Amino acid sequence: MVDILVNDIIPILVIMILGYLCGKFYFFDDDQRQGLNKLVLNIALPAALFISIVKATREMFVKDIVLTLISIVGVTGLFMLSYWLDKVMFHRTTQEAAVCALIAGSPTIGFLGFAVLDPIYGNNATTNLVIGIVSIVVNAITIPIGLALVNKGQANDRKNAGQTDEKTGEVVTAPVTDKEYKVLKNEKGIEREIDLMRAEIRNHEGRAKKEPNNSFGEAVLNALKQPVAWAPLLAVVLVLVGIHIPSSWAPSFDLISKANSGVAVLAAGLALSTVKFSIDKESLWNTFYRLILTPAVIVIAAYLCGMGSDPSKISMLVLATGLPPAFSGIIISSRYNIYVKEGASSVALSTIGFAASCIFWIWFLPVIANLFH
């Protein structure tokens, strides 16, 4: 445990703090931060996912089918549960609950997946397969669902604009347009959009001009067009059909993929430096849901589905799904001026709290495993 803390967790925190300080002292300008983000999401991460998954075999996929199903059903189901609970517990609108689900219900597997799991479990095919599967689910399923729900909520608000809400007695107003948002931003000093994370939301929204009217199918299609989604899917297809990438090709992918972890953690620190946050009941709940409740459900599901014989895979899956929030949520929050304060607070608290929750799960999972042996 001490070795993991000193050799794995502390370096991540140090680099993240370095990124935070760089952001606070404006060491990187907007274009440079945008460039770092694109490097991670469009080049380094897709290369890392692709080369790590193609090293697997069809036998591994068959053997890990339970892990795959738990990842797909678990991550998607917990995303929708977060959405529903936010509507029930905090009386949020459809679009607010959707942004909450993108924050509390989706891990930032792209930024921190390799940085956290590889040092602890080693850079092997199983670890990378877990990261690849969770990455596909987040990028190709939950984020498009979130965008579709945001668009649905906004469409309903536009339809009902001018009517009186039966519960509150207030007049419903339509959400602000892009032009109105820019005016508000200038006149009222609304905090600037998070430049570091802006590219990620573009990856999932695509460049469609009619964002508010995008259907779920269009949102999925736009997500699948991005390298972070299609690269791991292509690798999975190649493995399943039995096409092997020559080993001589690996160094070309490895060289750029090695940049992923360090740059991604630095980028996460930069992202935190751009948000102001406060502590309230909702942000605490979102942090608990992301770091404690989600991995706890995954642990229970894994043992109920017979994965108890391989506790190391359970541990990998728990840490992969128990990472801090996907930055897509706060980007969408800033872009649409929805759930901004609560979203920023939840992202900041969860990222800080992950240092403690990561250590907790690394310690607690072997205790659980011993109970089943």
Protein backbone atom coordinates (compact mmCIF):
# COMPACT_ATOMS: atom_id res chain seq x y z
CA MET A 1 0.00 0.00 0.00
CA VAL A 2 2.80 2.41 0.88
CA ASP A 3 4.58 1.63 -2.40
CA ILE A 4 1.40 2.28 -4.39
CA LEU A 5 0.86 5.56 -2.57
CA VAL A 6 4.44 6.77 -3.06
CA ASN A 7 5.09 5.41 -6.54
CA ASP A 8 1.68 5.79 -8.17
CA ILE A 9 -0.77 8.11 -6.41
CA ILE A 10 1.58 10.89 -5.26
CA PRO A 11 3.12 11.39 -8.75
CA ILE A 12 -0.39 11.85 -10.18
CA LEU A 13 -1.21 14.43 -7.52
CA VAL A 14 2.09 16.26 -8.04
CA ILE A 15 1.56 16.55 -11.81
CA MET A 16 -2.06 17.59 -11.29
CA ILE A 17 -1.00 20.29 -8.83
CA LEU A 18 1.62 21.42 -11.34
CA GLY A 19 -1.10 21.74 -13.97
CA TYR A 20 -3.28 23.66 -11.52
CA LEU A 21 -0.47 26.13 -10.77
CA CYS A 22 0.28 26.51 -14.48
CA GLY A 23 -3.36 27.42 -15.02
CA LYS A 24 -3.53 29.85 -12.11
CA PHE A 25 -0.38 31.68 -13.23
CA TYR A 26 -1.43 31.63 -16.94
CA PHE A 27 1.64 29.63 -17.99
CA PHE A 28 -0.39 28.34 -20.96
CA ASP A 29 -2.55 30.57 -23.11
CA ASP A 30 -5.91 29.45 -24.48
CA ASP A 31 -4.53 28.06 -27.75
CA GLN A 32 -1.84 26.09 -25.95
CA ARG A 33 -4.34 24.56 -23.54
CA GLN A 34 -6.56 23.71 -26.47
CA GLY A 35 -3.58 22.06 -28.13
CA LEU A 36 -2.84 19.93 -25.05
CA ASN A 37 -6.44 18.81 -24.94
CA LYS A 38 -6.44 17.85 -28.62
CA LEU A 39 -3.17 16.00 -28.19
CA VAL A 40 -4.68 13.81 -25.48
CA LEU A 41 -8.15 13.24 -26.93
CA ASN A 42 -7.46 13.09 -30.66
CA ILE A 43 -3.98 11.57 -30.88
CA ALA A 44 -2.34 10.13 -27.76
CA LEU A 45 -5.38 8.48 -26.16
CA PRO A 46 -6.75 6.90 -29.38
CA ALA A 47 -3.25 5.56 -30.15
CA ALA A 48 -2.94 4.15 -26.64
CA LEU A 49 -6.37 2.52 -26.77
CA PHE A 50 -5.82 1.08 -30.25
CA ILE A 51 -2.40 -0.48 -29.69
CA SER A 52 -3.35 -1.82 -26.26
CA ILE A 53 -6.52 -3.55 -27.46
CA VAL A 54 -5.07 -5.08 -30.65
CA LYS A 55 -2.61 -6.94 -28.43
CA ALA A 56 -5.54 -8.91 -27.02
CA THR A 57 -6.96 -12.11 -28.50
CA ARG A 58 -10.41 -13.43 -29.25
CA GLU A 59 -9.98 -15.85 -26.37
CA MET A 60 -9.48 -12.90 -24.00
CA PHE A 61 -12.67 -11.25 -25.24
CA VAL A 62 -14.63 -14.47 -24.72
CA LYS A 63 -13.08 -14.94 -21.30
CA ASP A 64 -13.85 -11.33 -20.32
CA ILE A 65 -17.40 -11.22 -21.70
CA VAL A 66 -18.79 -10.85 -18.16
CA LEU A 67 -16.48 -7.91 -17.51
CA THR A 68 -17.60 -6.32 -20.78
CA LEU A 69 -21.29 -6.73 -19.98
CA ILE A 70 -20.85 -5.35 -16.46
CA SER A 71 -19.04 -2.34 -17.93
CA ILE A 72 -21.74 -1.63 -20.51
CA VAL A 73 -24.77 -2.27 -18.31
CA GLY A 74 -23.17 -0.92 -15.12
CA VAL A 75 -21.82 2.37 -16.47
CA THR A 76 -24.91 3.09 -18.58
CA GLY A 77 -27.31 2.05 -15.82
CA LEU A 78 -25.55 4.13 -13.16
CA PHE A 79 -25.56 7.08 -15.55
CA MET A 80 -29.34 6.85 -15.91
CA LEU A 81 -29.77 6.29 -12.15
CA SER A 82 -27.84 9.49 -11.46
CA TYR A 83 -30.12 11.33 -13.90
CA TRP A 84 -33.28 10.00 -12.23
CA LEU A 85 -32.08 10.58 -8.65
CA ASP A 86 -31.12 14.18 -9.40
CA LYS A 87 -34.62 14.86 -10.72
CA VAL A 88 -36.23 13.22 -7.68
CA MET A 89 -33.91 14.37 -4.89
CA PHE A 90 -33.07 17.89 -6.06
CA HIS A 91 -36.06 18.60 -8.34
CA ARG A 92 -33.88 19.35 -11.35
CA THR A 93 -35.12 19.87 -14.89
CA THR A 94 -34.41 17.35 -17.62
CA GLN A 95 -31.37 19.19 -18.94
CA GLU A 96 -29.99 19.92 -15.47
CA ALA A 97 -30.32 16.28 -14.47
CA ALA A 98 -28.69 15.23 -17.75
CA VAL A 99 -25.65 17.41 -17.06
CA CYS A 100 -25.56 16.08 -13.50
CA ALA A 101 -25.52 12.52 -14.87
CA LEU A 102 -22.65 13.40 -17.21
CA ILE A 103 -20.73 14.58 -14.15
CA ALA A 104 -21.76 12.16 -11.39
CA GLY A 105 -22.43 9.20 -13.69
CA SER A 106 -19.44 9.21 -16.08
CA PRO A 107 -15.73 8.66 -15.24
CA THR A 108 -12.97 10.68 -16.89
CA ILE A 109 -11.49 7.55 -18.40
CA GLY A 110 -9.83 9.48 -21.22
CA PHE A 111 -7.81 11.78 -19.01
CA LEU A 112 -6.92 9.54 -16.06
CA GLY A 113 -7.54 5.92 -17.13
CA PHE A 114 -4.01 4.99 -18.18
CA ALA A 115 -2.42 7.37 -15.66
CA VAL A 116 -4.10 5.60 -12.73
CA LEU A 117 -4.39 1.95 -13.79
CA ASP A 118 -1.11 1.33 -15.63
CA PRO A 119 1.21 2.22 -12.71
CA ILE A 120 -0.83 0.12 -10.28
CA TYR A 121 -1.64 -2.96 -12.37
CA GLY A 122 0.97 -2.75 -15.11
CA ASN A 123 0.73 -1.95 -18.79
CA ASN A 124 -0.73 -5.27 -19.91
CA ALA A 125 -3.48 -6.42 -22.24
CA THR A 126 -6.04 -6.97 -19.46
CA THR A 127 -5.58 -3.53 -17.91
CA ASN A 128 -5.76 -1.85 -21.30
CA LEU A 129 -8.81 -3.89 -22.28
CA VAL A 130 -10.67 -2.64 -19.19
CA ILE A 131 -9.74 0.96 -20.01
CA GLY A 132 -10.74 0.47 -23.65
CA ILE A 133 -14.15 -1.02 -22.82
CA VAL A 134 -15.06 1.69 -20.31
CA SER A 135 -13.81 4.36 -22.71
CA ILE A 136 -16.07 3.04 -25.49
CA VAL A 137 -19.09 3.00 -23.16
CA VAL A 138 -18.49 6.58 -21.94
CA ASN A 139 -17.68 8.09 -25.33
CA ALA A 140 -20.13 6.19 -27.51
CA ILE A 141 -23.09 5.64 -25.16
CA THR A 142 -23.43 7.83 -22.05
CA ILE A 143 -22.24 11.15 -23.51
CA PRO A 144 -24.57 10.92 -26.55
CA ILE A 145 -27.44 10.02 -24.19
CA GLY A 146 -26.60 13.06 -22.07
CA LEU A 147 -26.54 15.37 -25.08
CA ALA A 148 -29.84 13.97 -26.32
CA LEU A 149 -31.46 14.58 -22.91
CA VAL A 150 -30.11 18.15 -22.78
CA ASN A 151 -31.54 18.83 -26.24
CA LYS A 152 -34.84 17.23 -25.27
CA GLY A 153 -35.11 19.36 -22.14
CA GLN A 154 -34.32 22.54 -24.05
CA ALA A 155 -36.84 21.67 -26.75
CA ASN A 156 -39.53 21.18 -24.10
CA ASP A 157 -38.64 24.52 -22.47
CA ARG A 158 -38.90 26.31 -25.81
CA LYS A 159 -42.23 24.65 -26.44
CA ASN A 160 -43.54 25.68 -23.01
CA ALA A 161 -41.94 29.16 -22.95
CA GLY A 162 -44.37 31.78 -21.72
CA GLN A 163 -46.57 29.27 -19.88
CA THR A 164 -46.91 29.21 -16.09
CA ASP A 165 -45.32 26.33 -14.21
CA GLU A 166 -48.04 24.57 -12.18
CA LYS A 167 -45.67 23.73 -9.31
CA THR A 168 -43.83 27.02 -8.86
CA GLY A 169 -46.24 29.51 -10.41
CA GLU A 170 -43.33 31.04 -12.32
CA VAL A 171 -43.33 31.85 -16.02
CA VAL A 172 -41.20 29.40 -17.98
CA THR A 173 -38.52 31.04 -20.09
CA ALA A 174 -36.72 29.51 -23.02
CA PRO A 175 -33.02 28.63 -22.62
CA VAL A 176 -30.58 31.24 -23.87
CA THR A 177 -29.36 31.08 -27.46
CA ASP A 178 -25.69 31.29 -28.46
CA LYS A 179 -26.03 35.02 -29.16
CA GLU A 180 -27.81 35.70 -25.87
CA TYR A 181 -25.21 33.66 -24.02
CA LYS A 182 -22.38 35.79 -25.40
CA VAL A 183 -24.22 38.97 -24.37
CA LEU A 184 -24.77 37.65 -20.86
CA LYS A 185 -21.18 36.57 -20.69
CA ASN A 186 -19.98 40.07 -21.55
CA GLU A 187 -22.51 42.09 -19.55
CA LYS A 188 -22.79 40.01 -16.39
CA GLY A 189 -19.29 38.63 -16.22
CA ILE A 190 -20.28 34.97 -16.47
CA GLU A 191 -17.14 32.93 -15.98
CA ARG A 192 -15.39 32.08 -19.21
CA GLU A 193 -15.83 28.65 -20.73
CA ILE A 194 -13.25 26.12 -19.72
CA ASP A 195 -10.84 26.32 -22.64
CA LEU A 196 -8.92 23.19 -21.76
CA MET A 197 -12.03 21.04 -21.93
CA ARG A 198 -13.80 22.74 -24.84
CA ALA A 199 -12.33 20.38 -27.42
CA GLU A 200 -13.74 17.32 -25.70
CA ILE A 201 -17.33 18.46 -26.03
CA ARG A 202 -16.71 19.29 -29.69
CA ASN A 203 -15.62 15.69 -30.06
CA HIS A 204 -19.00 14.51 -28.85
CA GLU A 205 -21.22 17.19 -30.35
CA GLY A 206 -19.48 17.19 -33.70
CA ARG A 207 -19.75 20.29 -35.81
CA ALA A 208 -23.46 20.06 -36.51
CA LYS A 209 -25.02 23.46 -36.88
CA LYS A 210 -28.39 22.37 -35.44
CA GLU A 211 -27.24 21.25 -31.99
CA PRO A 212 -30.55 21.71 -30.12
CA ASN A 213 -32.35 19.49 -32.64
CA ASN A 214 -29.82 16.64 -32.72
CA SER A 215 -31.51 13.29 -32.25
CA PHE A 216 -30.00 10.54 -30.15
CA GLY A 217 -28.93 8.75 -33.32
CA GLU A 218 -27.12 11.84 -34.57
CA ALA A 219 -25.41 12.29 -31.20
CA VAL A 220 -24.18 8.69 -31.30
CA LEU A 221 -23.00 9.09 -34.91
CA ASN A 222 -21.10 12.27 -34.04
CA ALA A 223 -19.46 10.51 -31.10
CA LEU A 224 -18.41 7.54 -33.23
CA LYS A 225 -16.74 9.86 -35.74
CA GLN A 226 -14.17 10.90 -33.15
CA PRO A 227 -10.83 9.04 -32.78
CA VAL A 228 -11.34 8.39 -29.07
CA ALA A 229 -14.46 6.34 -29.95
CA TRP A 230 -13.68 4.68 -33.30
CA ALA A 231 -10.04 3.76 -32.58
CA PRO A 232 -10.85 1.27 -29.78
CA LEU A 233 -13.88 -0.01 -31.72
CA LEU A 234 -11.68 -0.64 -34.77
CA ALA A 235 -9.18 -2.48 -32.59
CA VAL A 236 -11.96 -4.68 -31.17
CA VAL A 237 -13.19 -5.52 -34.69
CA LEU A 238 -9.66 -6.42 -35.85
CA VAL A 239 -9.19 -8.75 -32.89
CA LEU A 240 -12.57 -10.43 -33.36
CA VAL A 241 -12.00 -11.10 -37.08
CA GLY A 242 -8.50 -12.41 -36.37
CA ILE A 243 -6.44 -9.67 -38.05
CA HIS A 244 -3.15 -9.19 -36.22
CA ILE A 245 -1.18 -5.96 -36.35
CA PRO A 246 2.52 -6.70 -37.02
CA SER A 247 4.63 -6.26 -33.89
CA SER A 248 6.92 -3.97 -35.87
CA TRP A 249 4.07 -1.43 -35.98
CA ALA A 250 3.75 -1.24 -32.20
CA PRO A 251 6.66 1.19 -31.53
CA SER A 252 5.06 3.77 -33.83
CA PHE A 253 1.90 3.76 -31.72
CA ASP A 254 3.68 3.31 -28.38
CA LEU A 255 5.85 6.40 -28.79
CA ILE A 256 2.90 8.79 -29.04
CA SER A 257 0.67 6.83 -26.64
CA LYS A 258 3.27 7.19 -23.89
CA ALA A 259 2.58 10.92 -23.90
CA ASN A 260 -1.03 10.28 -22.89
CA SER A 261 -0.81 9.77 -19.13
CA GLY A 262 1.48 12.66 -18.18
CA VAL A 263 -0.13 15.21 -20.48
CA ALA A 264 -3.63 14.06 -19.48
CA VAL A 265 -2.98 14.52 -15.75
CA LEU A 266 -1.40 17.92 -16.40
CA ALA A 267 -4.47 18.84 -18.44
CA ALA A 268 -6.74 17.75 -15.59
CA GLY A 269 -4.91 20.14 -13.27
CA LEU A 270 -5.27 22.93 -15.81
CA ALA A 271 -9.00 22.23 -15.98
CA LEU A 272 -9.40 22.55 -12.21
CA SER A 273 -7.65 25.92 -12.24
CA THR A 274 -10.41 27.38 -14.42
CA VAL A 275 -13.39 26.58 -12.17
CA LYS A 276 -14.64 28.20 -8.98
CA PHE A 277 -16.41 25.88 -6.62
CA SER A 278 -18.25 25.76 -3.31
CA ILE A 279 -19.47 22.92 -1.11
CA ASP A 280 -23.18 22.20 -0.83
CA LYS A 281 -25.42 19.16 -0.39
CA GLU A 282 -25.76 18.46 -4.09
CA SER A 283 -22.05 18.65 -4.90
CA LEU A 284 -21.30 16.40 -1.90
CA TRP A 285 -23.91 13.91 -3.11
CA ASN A 286 -22.47 13.93 -6.64
CA THR A 287 -18.98 13.35 -5.24
CA PHE A 288 -20.22 10.46 -3.09
CA TYR A 289 -22.09 8.99 -6.04
CA ARG A 290 -19.06 9.22 -8.35
CA LEU A 291 -16.32 8.00 -6.00
CA ILE A 292 -18.08 5.67 -3.55
CA LEU A 293 -21.53 4.53 -4.66
CA THR A 294 -20.66 3.81 -8.31
CA PRO A 295 -17.62 1.60 -7.60
CA ALA A 296 -19.51 -0.09 -4.75
CA VAL A 297 -22.31 -1.11 -7.14
CA ILE A 298 -19.72 -2.37 -9.64
CA VAL A 299 -18.06 -4.48 -6.90
CA ILE A 300 -21.38 -6.04 -5.92
CA ALA A 301 -22.31 -6.71 -9.57
CA ALA A 302 -18.90 -8.27 -10.29
CA TYR A 303 -19.12 -10.74 -7.41
CA LEU A 304 -22.77 -11.57 -8.13
CA CYS A 305 -21.82 -12.31 -11.75
CA GLY A 306 -19.05 -14.73 -10.78
CA MET A 307 -15.92 -12.61 -11.18
CA GLY A 308 -14.78 -13.39 -7.63
CA SER A 309 -12.14 -15.81 -8.88
CA ASP A 310 -10.22 -12.92 -10.46
CA PRO A 311 -10.15 -10.06 -7.91
CA SER A 312 -7.48 -8.17 -9.86
CA LYS A 313 -9.91 -7.61 -12.75
CA ILE A 314 -12.58 -6.46 -10.33
CA SER A 315 -10.10 -4.01 -8.85
CA MET A 316 -9.20 -2.65 -12.31
CA LEU A 317 -12.86 -2.23 -13.23
CA VAL A 318 -13.68 -0.54 -9.93
CA LEU A 319 -10.92 2.04 -10.29
CA ALA A 320 -11.77 2.61 -13.97
CA THR A 321 -15.43 3.30 -13.16
CA GLY A 322 -14.63 5.17 -9.93
CA LEU A 323 -12.49 7.87 -11.52
CA PRO A 324 -13.42 11.58 -11.14
CA PRO A 325 -16.16 12.96 -13.43
CA ALA A 326 -15.79 13.05 -17.20
CA PHE A 327 -14.96 16.63 -18.14
CA SER A 328 -17.60 16.49 -20.87
CA GLY A 329 -20.25 17.27 -18.26
CA ILE A 330 -18.76 20.58 -17.14
CA ILE A 331 -18.06 21.53 -20.75
CA ILE A 332 -21.73 21.03 -21.64
CA SER A 333 -22.68 22.86 -18.44
CA SER A 334 -20.59 25.87 -19.45
CA ARG A 335 -21.64 25.71 -23.10
CA TYR A 336 -25.38 25.78 -22.37
CA ASN A 337 -25.20 27.75 -19.08
CA ILE A 338 -26.89 24.82 -17.30
CA TYR A 339 -25.95 23.50 -13.84
CA VAL A 340 -22.74 25.57 -13.91
CA LYS A 341 -22.08 26.16 -10.20
CA GLU A 342 -23.11 22.69 -9.06
CA GLY A 343 -21.24 21.05 -11.93
CA ALA A 344 -17.99 22.91 -11.33
CA SER A 345 -18.19 22.19 -7.58
CA SER A 346 -18.84 18.50 -8.18
CA VAL A 347 -15.94 18.16 -10.62
CA ALA A 348 -13.52 19.95 -8.31
CA LEU A 349 -14.56 18.07 -5.15
CA SER A 350 -14.52 14.70 -6.91
CA THR A 351 -11.09 15.26 -8.42
CA ILE A 352 -9.66 16.29 -5.04
CA GLY A 353 -11.50 13.50 -3.23
CA PHE A 354 -10.25 10.86 -5.66
CA ALA A 355 -6.86 10.88 -3.91
CA ALA A 356 -8.56 9.45 -0.82
CA SER A 357 -11.12 7.20 -2.55
CA CYS A 358 -8.45 5.61 -4.76
CA ILE A 359 -6.38 4.64 -1.71
CA PHE A 360 -9.52 3.38 0.03
CA TRP A 361 -10.53 1.06 -2.81
CA ILE A 362 -6.99 -0.25 -3.27
CA TRP A 363 -6.98 -1.17 0.43
CA PHE A 364 -10.58 -2.37 0.72
CA LEU A 365 -10.87 -4.58 -2.37
CA PRO A 366 -8.29 -7.16 -1.18
CA VAL A 367 -10.20 -7.31 2.13
CA ILE A 368 -13.37 -8.19 0.23
CA ALA A 369 -11.50 -10.71 -1.94
CA ASN A 370 -10.22 -12.51 1.16
CA LEU A 371 -13.79 -12.99 2.35
CA PHE A 372 -14.56 -15.02 -0.78
CA HIS A 373 -11.55 -17.34 -0.50
